[in-house]
C-alpha atoms as a PDB file:
ATOM      1  CA  UNK A   1      -5.554  -1.979 -23.193  1.00  0.00           C
ATOM      2  CA  UNK A   2      -7.847  -2.845 -20.249  1.00  0.00           C
ATOM      3  CA  UNK A   3      -7.080  -1.379 -16.841  1.00  0.00           C
ATOM      4  CA  UNK A   4      -3.753  -2.556 -15.306  1.00  0.00           C
ATOM      5  CA  UNK A   5      -2.435  -2.198 -11.835  1.00  0.00           C
ATOM      6  CA  UNK A   6       1.282  -1.315 -11.720  1.00  0.00           C
ATOM      7  CA  UNK A   7       3.460  -1.618  -8.479  1.00  0.00           C
ATOM      8  CA  UNK A   8       6.810   0.014  -8.275  1.00  0.00           C
ATOM      9  CA  UNK A   9       9.704  -0.450  -5.831  1.00  0.00           C
ATOM     10  CA  UNK A  10      11.615   2.762  -4.812  1.00  0.00           C
ATOM     11  CA  UNK A  11      15.392   2.576  -4.451  1.00  0.00           C
ATOM     12  CA  UNK A  12      16.857   1.703  -7.780  1.00  0.00           C
ATOM     13  CA  UNK A  13      13.464   1.621  -9.490  1.00  0.00           C
ATOM     14  CA  UNK A  14      11.633   4.855  -9.209  1.00  0.00           C
ATOM     15  CA  UNK A  15      14.323   6.750  -7.206  1.00  0.00           C
ATOM     16  CA  UNK A  16      17.817   6.914  -8.614  1.00  0.00           C
ATOM     17  CA  UNK A  17      20.459   5.762  -6.079  1.00  0.00           C
ATOM     18  CA  UNK A  18      22.988   8.007  -7.915  1.00  0.00           C
ATOM     19  CA  UNK A  19      21.139  11.314  -8.115  1.00  0.00           C
ATOM     20  CA  UNK A  20      18.589  10.865  -5.182  1.00  0.00           C
ATOM     21  CA  UNK A  21      15.969  11.819  -7.728  1.00  0.00           C
ATOM     22  CA  UNK A  22      12.996  10.452  -9.536  1.00  0.00           C
ATOM     23  CA  UNK A  23      13.749  11.216 -13.408  1.00  0.00           C
ATOM     24  CA  UNK A  24      11.190  13.537 -15.143  1.00  0.00           C
ATOM     25  CA  UNK A  25      10.559  10.736 -17.471  1.00  0.00           C
ATOM     26  CA  UNK A  26       9.103   8.557 -14.722  1.00  0.00           C
ATOM     27  CA  UNK A  27       6.777  11.302 -13.516  1.00  0.00           C
ATOM     28  CA  UNK A  28       5.522  11.786 -17.056  1.00  0.00           C
ATOM     29  CA  UNK A  29       5.049   7.999 -17.395  1.00  0.00           C
ATOM     30  CA  UNK A  30       2.932   8.095 -14.281  1.00  0.00           C
ATOM     31  CA  UNK A  31       0.734  10.927 -15.713  1.00  0.00           C
ATOM     32  CA  UNK A  32       0.202   9.274 -18.935  1.00  0.00           C
ATOM     33  CA  UNK A  33      -0.564   5.976 -17.325  1.00  0.00           C
ATOM     34  CA  UNK A  34      -3.166   7.353 -15.027  1.00  0.00           C
ATOM     35  CA  UNK A  35      -4.792   9.041 -18.043  1.00  0.00           C
ATOM     36  CA  UNK A  36      -4.813   5.653 -19.786  1.00  0.00           C
ATOM     37  CA  UNK A  37      -6.967   4.392 -16.804  1.00  0.00           C
ATOM     38  CA  UNK A  38      -4.209   2.426 -15.154  1.00  0.00           C
ATOM     39  CA  UNK A  39      -3.670   2.224 -11.411  1.00  0.00           C
ATOM     40  CA  UNK A  40      -0.206   2.936  -9.983  1.00  0.00           C
ATOM     41  CA  UNK A  41       1.062   1.950  -6.415  1.00  0.00           C
ATOM     42  CA  UNK A  42       4.502   2.196  -4.867  1.00  0.00           C
ATOM     43  CA  UNK A  43       5.279  -1.179  -3.247  1.00  0.00           C
ATOM     44  CA  UNK A  44       8.148  -0.853  -0.860  1.00  0.00           C
ATOM     45  CA  UNK A  45       9.987  -2.420   1.921  1.00  0.00           C
ATOM     46  CA  UNK A  46      10.117   1.015   3.768  1.00  0.00           C
ATOM     47  CA  UNK A  47       7.662   1.640   6.444  1.00  0.00           C
ATOM     48  CA  UNK A  48       5.277   4.525   6.193  1.00  0.00           C
ATOM     49  CA  UNK A  49       7.732   6.792   8.504  1.00  0.00           C
ATOM     50  CA  UNK A  50      10.483   5.949   6.061  1.00  0.00           C
ATOM     51  CA  UNK A  51       9.033   6.988   2.913  1.00  0.00           C
ATOM     52  CA  UNK A  52      10.694  10.351   3.039  1.00  0.00           C
ATOM     53  CA  UNK A  53      10.768  12.656  -0.003  1.00  0.00           C
ATOM     54  CA  UNK A  54       9.396  10.002  -2.441  1.00  0.00           C
ATOM     55  CA  UNK A  55       5.902  11.236  -1.235  1.00  0.00           C
ATOM     56  CA  UNK A  56       6.419  14.387  -2.877  1.00  0.00           C
ATOM     57  CA  UNK A  57       8.227  13.189  -6.010  1.00  0.00           C
ATOM     58  CA  UNK A  58       5.496  10.820  -7.243  1.00  0.00           C
ATOM     59  CA  UNK A  59       1.788  10.628  -7.123  1.00  0.00           C
ATOM     60  CA  UNK A  60       0.553   7.098  -6.959  1.00  0.00           C
ATOM     61  CA  UNK A  61      -2.681   5.895  -6.365  1.00  0.00           C
ATOM     62  CA  UNK A  62      -1.654   4.125  -3.101  1.00  0.00           C
ATOM     63  CA  UNK A  63       1.141   3.105  -0.837  1.00  0.00           C
ATOM     64  CA  UNK A  64       2.091  -0.598  -0.029  1.00  0.00           C
ATOM     65  CA  UNK A  65       4.669  -0.398   2.906  1.00  0.00           C
ATOM     66  CA  UNK A  66       6.879  -2.486   5.009  1.00  0.00           C
ATOM     67  CA  UNK A  67       6.717  -5.430   2.698  1.00  0.00           C
ATOM     68  CA  UNK A  68       3.056  -6.011   2.905  1.00  0.00           C
ATOM     69  CA  UNK A  69       2.421  -4.841   6.553  1.00  0.00           C
ATOM     70  CA  UNK A  70       0.758  -1.663   5.473  1.00  0.00           C
ATOM     71  CA  UNK A  71      -1.426  -1.230   2.407  1.00  0.00           C
ATOM     72  CA  UNK A  72      -3.390   1.971   1.534  1.00  0.00           C
ATOM     73  CA  UNK A  73      -5.333   2.630  -1.730  1.00  0.00           C
ATOM     74  CA  UNK A  74      -6.631   5.997  -2.645  1.00  0.00           C
ATOM     75  CA  UNK A  75      -6.254   7.054   1.020  1.00  0.00           C
ATOM     76  CA  UNK A  76      -8.081   4.219   2.241  1.00  0.00           C
ATOM     77  CA  UNK A  77      -6.286   1.556   4.490  1.00  0.00           C
ATOM     78  CA  UNK A  78      -6.789  -2.057   3.137  1.00  0.00           C
ATOM     79  CA  UNK A  79      -4.454  -3.632   5.548  1.00  0.00           C
ATOM     80  CA  UNK A  80      -2.293  -3.120   8.786  1.00  0.00           C
ATOM     81  CA  UNK A  81      -0.379  -5.419  10.776  1.00  0.00           C
ATOM     82  CA  UNK A  82       1.995  -4.325  13.616  1.00  0.00           C
ATOM     83  CA  UNK A  83       3.842  -6.711  15.789  1.00  0.00           C
ATOM     84  CA  UNK A  84       2.087  -7.759  19.189  1.00  0.00           C
ATOM     85  CA  UNK A  85       3.936  -6.480  22.238  1.00  0.00           C
ATOM     86  CA  UNK A  86       5.310  -9.874  23.322  1.00  0.00           C
ATOM     87  CA  UNK A  87       6.735 -10.660  19.837  1.00  0.00           C
ATOM     88  CA  UNK A  88       8.338  -7.190  19.824  1.00  0.00           C
ATOM     89  CA  UNK A  89       9.944  -7.545  23.246  1.00  0.00           C
ATOM     90  CA  UNK A  90      11.247 -11.071  22.052  1.00  0.00           C
ATOM     91  CA  UNK A  91      12.765  -9.480  18.984  1.00  0.00           C
ATOM     92  CA  UNK A  92      14.458  -6.812  20.906  1.00  0.00           C
ATOM     93  CA  UNK A  93      15.899  -9.453  23.481  1.00  0.00           C
ATOM     94  CA  UNK A  94      17.332 -11.609  20.477  1.00  0.00           C
ATOM     95  CA  UNK A  95      18.864  -8.529  18.792  1.00  0.00           C
ATOM     96  CA  UNK A  96      20.619  -7.599  21.810  1.00  0.00           C
ATOM     97  CA  UNK A  97      21.798 -11.156  22.713  1.00  0.00           C
ATOM     98  CA  UNK A  98      23.077 -11.797  19.280  1.00  0.00           C
ATOM     99  CA  UNK A  99      25.381  -8.693  19.332  1.00  0.00           C
ATOM    100  CA  UNK A 100      24.026  -7.071  16.098  1.00  0.00           C
ATOM    101  CA  UNK A 101      23.005  -3.684  15.372  1.00  0.00           C
ATOM    102  CA  UNK A 102      19.229  -3.802  15.268  1.00  0.00           C
ATOM    103  CA  UNK A 103      16.635  -1.125  13.881  1.00  0.00           C
ATOM    104  CA  UNK A 104      13.063  -1.535  14.562  1.00  0.00           C
ATOM    105  CA  UNK A 105      10.796   0.071  11.793  1.00  0.00           C
ATOM    106  CA  UNK A 106       7.274   1.264  12.450  1.00  0.00           C
ATOM    107  CA  UNK A 107       4.620   3.760  11.237  1.00  0.00           C
ATOM    108  CA  UNK A 108       5.852   6.823  13.217  1.00  0.00           C
ATOM    109  CA  UNK A 109       9.465   6.353  12.989  1.00  0.00           C
ATOM    110  CA  UNK A 110      12.516   3.876  13.463  1.00  0.00           C
ATOM    111  CA  UNK A 111      14.139   2.902  16.697  1.00  0.00           C
ATOM    112  CA  UNK A 112      17.676   2.062  17.819  1.00  0.00           C
ATOM    113  CA  UNK A 113      18.656   1.083  21.380  1.00  0.00           C
ATOM    114  CA  UNK A 114      20.742   3.224  23.729  1.00  0.00           C
ATOM    115  CA  UNK A 115      24.223   2.576  22.232  1.00  0.00           C
ATOM    116  CA  UNK A 116      26.299   3.786  19.187  1.00  0.00           C
ATOM    117  CA  UNK A 117      26.849   1.543  16.327  1.00  0.00           C
ATOM    118  CA  UNK A 118      30.067  -0.199  15.579  1.00  0.00           C
ATOM    119  CA  UNK A 119      29.072  -0.589  11.863  1.00  0.00           C
ATOM    120  CA  UNK A 120      29.928   2.064   9.441  1.00  0.00           C
ATOM    121  CA  UNK A 121      26.661   1.172   7.619  1.00  0.00           C
ATOM    122  CA  UNK A 122      24.737   1.615  10.901  1.00  0.00           C
ATOM    123  CA  UNK A 123      26.197   4.993  11.495  1.00  0.00           C
ATOM    124  CA  UNK A 124      25.322   6.025   7.945  1.00  0.00           C
ATOM    125  CA  UNK A 125      21.834   5.101   8.336  1.00  0.00           C
ATOM    126  CA  UNK A 126      21.527   6.861  11.628  1.00  0.00           C
ATOM    127  CA  UNK A 127      22.807  10.004   9.879  1.00  0.00           C
ATOM    128  CA  UNK A 128      20.672   9.811   6.773  1.00  0.00           C
ATOM    129  CA  UNK A 129      17.465   9.216   8.708  1.00  0.00           C
ATOM    130  CA  UNK A 130      18.225  11.281  11.629  1.00  0.00           C
ATOM    131  CA  UNK A 131      14.636  13.098  11.274  1.00  0.00           C
ATOM    132  CA  UNK A 132      12.783   9.967  11.951  1.00  0.00           C
ATOM    133  CA  UNK A 133      15.385   7.780  13.922  1.00  0.00           C
ATOM    134  CA  UNK A 134      14.987   7.684  17.647  1.00  0.00           C
ATOM    135  CA  UNK A 135      17.149   6.334  20.309  1.00  0.00           C
ATOM    136  CA  UNK A 136      16.081   5.101  23.494  1.00  0.00           C
ATOM    137  CA  UNK A 137      15.724   2.101  25.913  1.00  0.00           C
ATOM    138  CA  UNK A 138      13.805  -0.641  23.922  1.00  0.00           C
ATOM    139  CA  UNK A 139      12.362  -1.937  27.313  1.00  0.00           C
ATOM    140  CA  UNK A 140      10.377   1.377  27.229  1.00  0.00           C
ATOM    141  CA  UNK A 141       9.213   1.335  23.831  1.00  0.00           C
ATOM    142  CA  UNK A 142       5.445   1.753  23.241  1.00  0.00           C
ATOM    143  CA  UNK A 143       5.194   2.583  19.634  1.00  0.00           C
ATOM    144  CA  UNK A 144       3.988   0.162  16.865  1.00  0.00           C
ATOM    145  CA  UNK A 145       6.627  -1.723  15.235  1.00  0.00           C
ATOM    146  CA  UNK A 146       5.877  -3.598  11.673  1.00  0.00           C
ATOM    147  CA  UNK A 147       9.224  -5.093  10.782  1.00  0.00           C
ATOM    148  CA  UNK A 148      12.954  -4.794  11.605  1.00  0.00           C
ATOM    149  CA  UNK A 149      16.432  -5.020  10.167  1.00  0.00           C
ATOM    150  CA  UNK A 150      19.895  -5.743  11.389  1.00  0.00           C
ATOM    151  CA  UNK A 151      23.469  -5.585  10.715  1.00  0.00           C
ATOM    152  CA  UNK A 152      25.947  -8.514  11.730  1.00  0.00           C
ATOM    153  CA  UNK A 153      29.530  -9.214  11.582  1.00  0.00           C
ATOM    154  CA  UNK A 154      31.917 -11.949  12.669  1.00  0.00           C
ATOM    155  CA  UNK A 155      31.207 -10.880  16.349  1.00  0.00           C
ATOM    156  CA  UNK A 156      27.519 -11.484  15.948  1.00  0.00           C
ATOM    157  CA  UNK A 157      25.675 -14.639  16.844  1.00  0.00           C
ATOM    158  CA  UNK A 158      23.873 -14.737  13.435  1.00  0.00           C
ATOM    159  CA  UNK A 159      22.688 -18.493  13.746  1.00  0.00           C
ATOM    160  CA  UNK A 160      21.542 -18.033  17.280  1.00  0.00           C
ATOM    161  CA  UNK A 161      19.514 -15.074  16.108  1.00  0.00           C
ATOM    162  CA  UNK A 162      17.915 -16.950  13.342  1.00  0.00           C
ATOM    163  CA  UNK A 163      17.097 -19.715  15.699  1.00  0.00           C
ATOM    164  CA  UNK A 164      15.232 -17.134  17.882  1.00  0.00           C
ATOM    165  CA  UNK A 165      13.171 -15.295  15.125  1.00  0.00           C
ATOM    166  CA  UNK A 166      12.507 -17.992  12.681  1.00  0.00           C
ATOM    167  CA  UNK A 167      10.044 -19.150  11.513  1.00  0.00           C
ATOM    168  CA  UNK A 168       8.110 -16.108  12.732  1.00  0.00           C
ATOM    169  CA  UNK A 169      10.042 -13.851  10.605  1.00  0.00           C
ATOM    170  CA  UNK A 170      11.307 -14.205   7.009  1.00  0.00           C
ATOM    171  CA  UNK A 171      15.017 -13.009   6.879  1.00  0.00           C
ATOM    172  CA  UNK A 172      16.000 -11.338   3.486  1.00  0.00           C
ATOM    173  CA  UNK A 173      19.754 -11.140   2.858  1.00  0.00           C
ATOM    174  CA  UNK A 174      20.190  -7.473   1.314  1.00  0.00           C
ATOM    175  CA  UNK A 175      23.949  -7.966   1.148  1.00  0.00           C
ATOM    176  CA  UNK A 176      27.045  -6.546   2.931  1.00  0.00           C
ATOM    177  CA  UNK A 177      25.806  -8.163   6.239  1.00  0.00           C
ATOM    178  CA  UNK A 178      22.552  -6.232   6.213  1.00  0.00           C
ATOM    179  CA  UNK A 179      19.348  -8.211   6.821  1.00  0.00           C
ATOM    180  CA  UNK A 180      15.647  -7.230   6.429  1.00  0.00           C
ATOM    181  CA  UNK A 181      13.114  -8.975   8.652  1.00  0.00           C
ATOM    182  CA  UNK A 182       9.302  -9.313   7.624  1.00  0.00           C
ATOM    183  CA  UNK A 183       6.674 -10.910   9.615  1.00  0.00           C
ATOM    184  CA  UNK A 184       5.805 -14.490   8.068  1.00  0.00           C
ATOM    185  CA  UNK A 185       3.182 -14.342   5.618  1.00  0.00           C
ATOM    186  CA  UNK A 186       3.802 -10.881   4.560  1.00  0.00           C
ATOM    187  CA  UNK A 187       5.581  -9.669   1.375  1.00  0.00           C
ATOM    188  CA  UNK A 188       5.349  -7.315  -1.402  1.00  0.00           C
ATOM    189  CA  UNK A 189       3.445 -10.277  -3.084  1.00  0.00           C
ATOM    190  CA  UNK A 190       0.621 -10.459  -0.309  1.00  0.00           C
ATOM    191  CA  UNK A 191       0.367  -6.531  -0.551  1.00  0.00           C
ATOM    192  CA  UNK A 192      -0.426  -6.752  -4.246  1.00  0.00           C
ATOM    193  CA  UNK A 193      -3.094  -9.478  -3.705  1.00  0.00           C
ATOM    194  CA  UNK A 194      -4.701  -6.988  -1.300  1.00  0.00           C
ATOM    195  CA  UNK A 195      -4.920  -4.490  -3.871  1.00  0.00           C
ATOM    196  CA  UNK A 196      -5.988  -6.746  -6.739  1.00  0.00           C
ATOM    197  CA  UNK A 197      -8.805  -8.049  -4.505  1.00  0.00           C
ATOM    198  CA  UNK A 198      -9.997  -4.590  -3.802  1.00  0.00           C
ATOM    199  CA  UNK A 199     -10.292  -3.593  -7.384  1.00  0.00           C
ATOM    200  CA  UNK A 200     -11.546  -6.891  -8.906  1.00  0.00           C
ATOM    201  CA  UNK A 201      -8.280  -7.300 -10.926  1.00  0.00           C
ATOM    202  CA  UNK A 202      -6.453 -10.564 -11.557  1.00  0.00           C
ATOM    203  CA  UNK A 203      -2.714 -11.328 -11.511  1.00  0.00           C
ATOM    204  CA  UNK A 204      -2.591 -10.985 -15.252  1.00  0.00           C
ATOM    205  CA  UNK A 205      -3.630  -7.392 -14.844  1.00  0.00           C
ATOM    206  CA  UNK A 206      -0.657  -6.528 -12.602  1.00  0.00           C
ATOM    207  CA  UNK A 207       2.726  -5.403 -13.674  1.00  0.00           C
ATOM    208  CA  UNK A 208       5.730  -5.099 -11.054  1.00  0.00           C
ATOM    209  CA  UNK A 209       8.771  -3.196 -11.439  1.00  0.00           C
ATOM    210  CA  UNK A 210      11.940  -3.747  -9.247  1.00  0.00           C
ATOM    211  CA  UNK A 211      15.477  -4.379  -8.970  1.00  0.00           C
ATOM    212  CA  UNK A 212      16.445  -5.954  -5.395  1.00  0.00           C
ATOM    213  CA  UNK A 213      16.180  -9.037  -3.558  1.00  0.00           C
ATOM    214  CA  UNK A 214      13.357  -7.789  -1.417  1.00  0.00           C
ATOM    215  CA  UNK A 215      11.400  -7.590  -4.825  1.00  0.00           C
ATOM    216  CA  UNK A 216      11.796 -11.312  -5.253  1.00  0.00           C
ATOM    217  CA  UNK A 217       8.225 -12.295  -3.703  1.00  0.00           C
ATOM    218  CA  UNK A 218       6.375 -10.083  -6.324  1.00  0.00           C
ATOM    219  CA  UNK A 219       8.681 -11.108  -9.198  1.00  0.00           C
ATOM    220  CA  UNK A 220       7.916 -14.899  -8.298  1.00  0.00           C
ATOM    221  CA  UNK A 221       3.991 -14.008  -7.904  1.00  0.00           C
ATOM    222  CA  UNK A 222       3.333 -11.791 -10.760  1.00  0.00           C
ATOM    223  CA  UNK A 223       3.786 -13.002 -14.614  1.00  0.00           C
ATOM    224  CA  UNK A 224       4.375  -9.377 -15.737  1.00  0.00           C
ATOM    225  CA  UNK A 225       7.697  -8.644 -14.035  1.00  0.00           C
ATOM    226  CA  UNK A 226       9.996  -5.670 -15.229  1.00  0.00           C
ATOM    227  CA  UNK A 227      13.549  -5.838 -14.060  1.00  0.00           C
ATOM    228  CA  UNK A 228      15.517  -2.516 -13.978  1.00  0.00           C
ATOM    229  CA  UNK A 229      18.908  -2.349 -16.066  1.00  0.00           C
ATOM    230  CA  UNK A 230      20.984  -2.403 -12.860  1.00  0.00           C
ATOM    231  CA  UNK A 231      19.638  -5.422 -10.574  1.00  0.00           C
ATOM    232  CA  UNK A 232      20.396  -8.282  -8.355  1.00  0.00           C
ATOM    233  CA  UNK A 233      20.950 -11.491 -10.297  1.00  0.00           C
ATOM    234  CA  UNK A 234      18.257 -13.361  -8.218  1.00  0.00           C
ATOM    235  CA  UNK A 235      15.579 -11.712  -9.889  1.00  0.00           C
ATOM    236  CA  UNK A 236      16.645 -12.581 -13.421  1.00  0.00           C
ATOM    237  CA  UNK A 237      14.881 -15.892 -13.785  1.00  0.00           C
ATOM    238  CA  UNK A 238      11.448 -14.384 -13.102  1.00  0.00           C
ATOM    239  CA  UNK A 239      11.680 -11.129 -15.326  1.00  0.00           C
ATOM    240  CA  UNK A 240       9.405 -11.050 -18.246  1.00  0.00           C
ATOM    241  CA  UNK A 241      11.102  -7.800 -19.429  1.00  0.00           C
ATOM    242  CA  UNK A 242      14.382  -6.214 -18.696  1.00  0.00           C
ATOM    243  CA  UNK A 243      14.486  -2.425 -19.168  1.00  0.00           C
ATOM    244  CA  UNK A 244      17.027   0.298 -18.890  1.00  0.00           C
ATOM    245  CA  UNK A 245      18.541   1.734 -15.557  1.00  0.00           C
ATOM    246  CA  UNK A 246      16.747   4.542 -13.734  1.00  0.00           C
ATOM    247  CA  UNK A 247      19.040   7.053 -14.988  1.00  0.00           C
ATOM    248  CA  UNK A 248      18.520   5.814 -18.582  1.00  0.00           C
ATOM    249  CA  UNK A 249      14.654   6.345 -18.129  1.00  0.00           C
ATOM    250  CA  UNK A 250      13.948   2.702 -17.575  1.00  0.00           C
ATOM    251  CA  UNK A 251      10.558   3.105 -16.200  1.00  0.00           C
ATOM    252  CA  UNK A 252       9.370   5.237 -19.252  1.00  0.00           C
ATOM    253  CA  UNK A 253      11.124   2.775 -21.722  1.00  0.00           C
ATOM    254  CA  UNK A 254       9.551  -0.195 -19.956  1.00  0.00           C
ATOM    255  CA  UNK A 255       5.954   1.339 -19.818  1.00  0.00           C
ATOM    256  CA  UNK A 256       6.170   2.593 -23.430  1.00  0.00           C
ATOM    257  CA  UNK A 257       7.117  -0.765 -24.929  1.00  0.00           C
ATOM    258  CA  UNK A 258       4.682  -2.619 -22.898  1.00  0.00           C
ATOM    259  CA  UNK A 259       1.930  -0.447 -24.203  1.00  0.00           C
ATOM    260  CA  UNK A 260       0.999   0.994 -20.784  1.00  0.00           C
ATOM    261  CA  UNK A 261       1.150   4.664 -21.803  1.00  0.00           C
END
């Protein structure tokens, strides 16, 4: 088989959401695919600061972070986009006015404003990301920000917030009142195009692996789309192959069946 470029989501695809680990079979699949001459990339909604332990659990050829806002291949930066200061300030004002729990995501950390979260999920996020989560006055924030997310409930002005941030941002519904916001013109699909252009490969040479709604752009874009056994239904119409779950060695199974090893 000629050289292919493989793109993997993290949570629910590479990383088990049950054990918090990458199966040994997935690590072995990465090694064998690389020996076969293929390129492997992690393609995630997480910004660089949010990658956490996955950096030590898999060894890809590059990292595509923040839904296409940062693209790195073999240690070389191919693309980076952060919010201009004026846009960042506008977003912060809109989040505060809408009475949501906003989290700004950047290259060096994540940032919440000076108040406790009334959302259980918001408190859990702060605890689980305590090593990179920084609390402070957003008006004093000087760090770069690539994207943001927010939690909303019946007390939030959801429609008012959308009016303020669209069409500058695509708002992805992740379920349970949690929303991921990505700068317009950026997605996991645009990140893939950056890599394919850099290596002189076509869309037919690309394979994507995912399970959740923020994988939808790359599933719509790439003809070879591998859907994990546990997944969001929105991806089903675009899947070319449905594999097993992470815990059932789904990555290994798909790559073996598709002749990528």
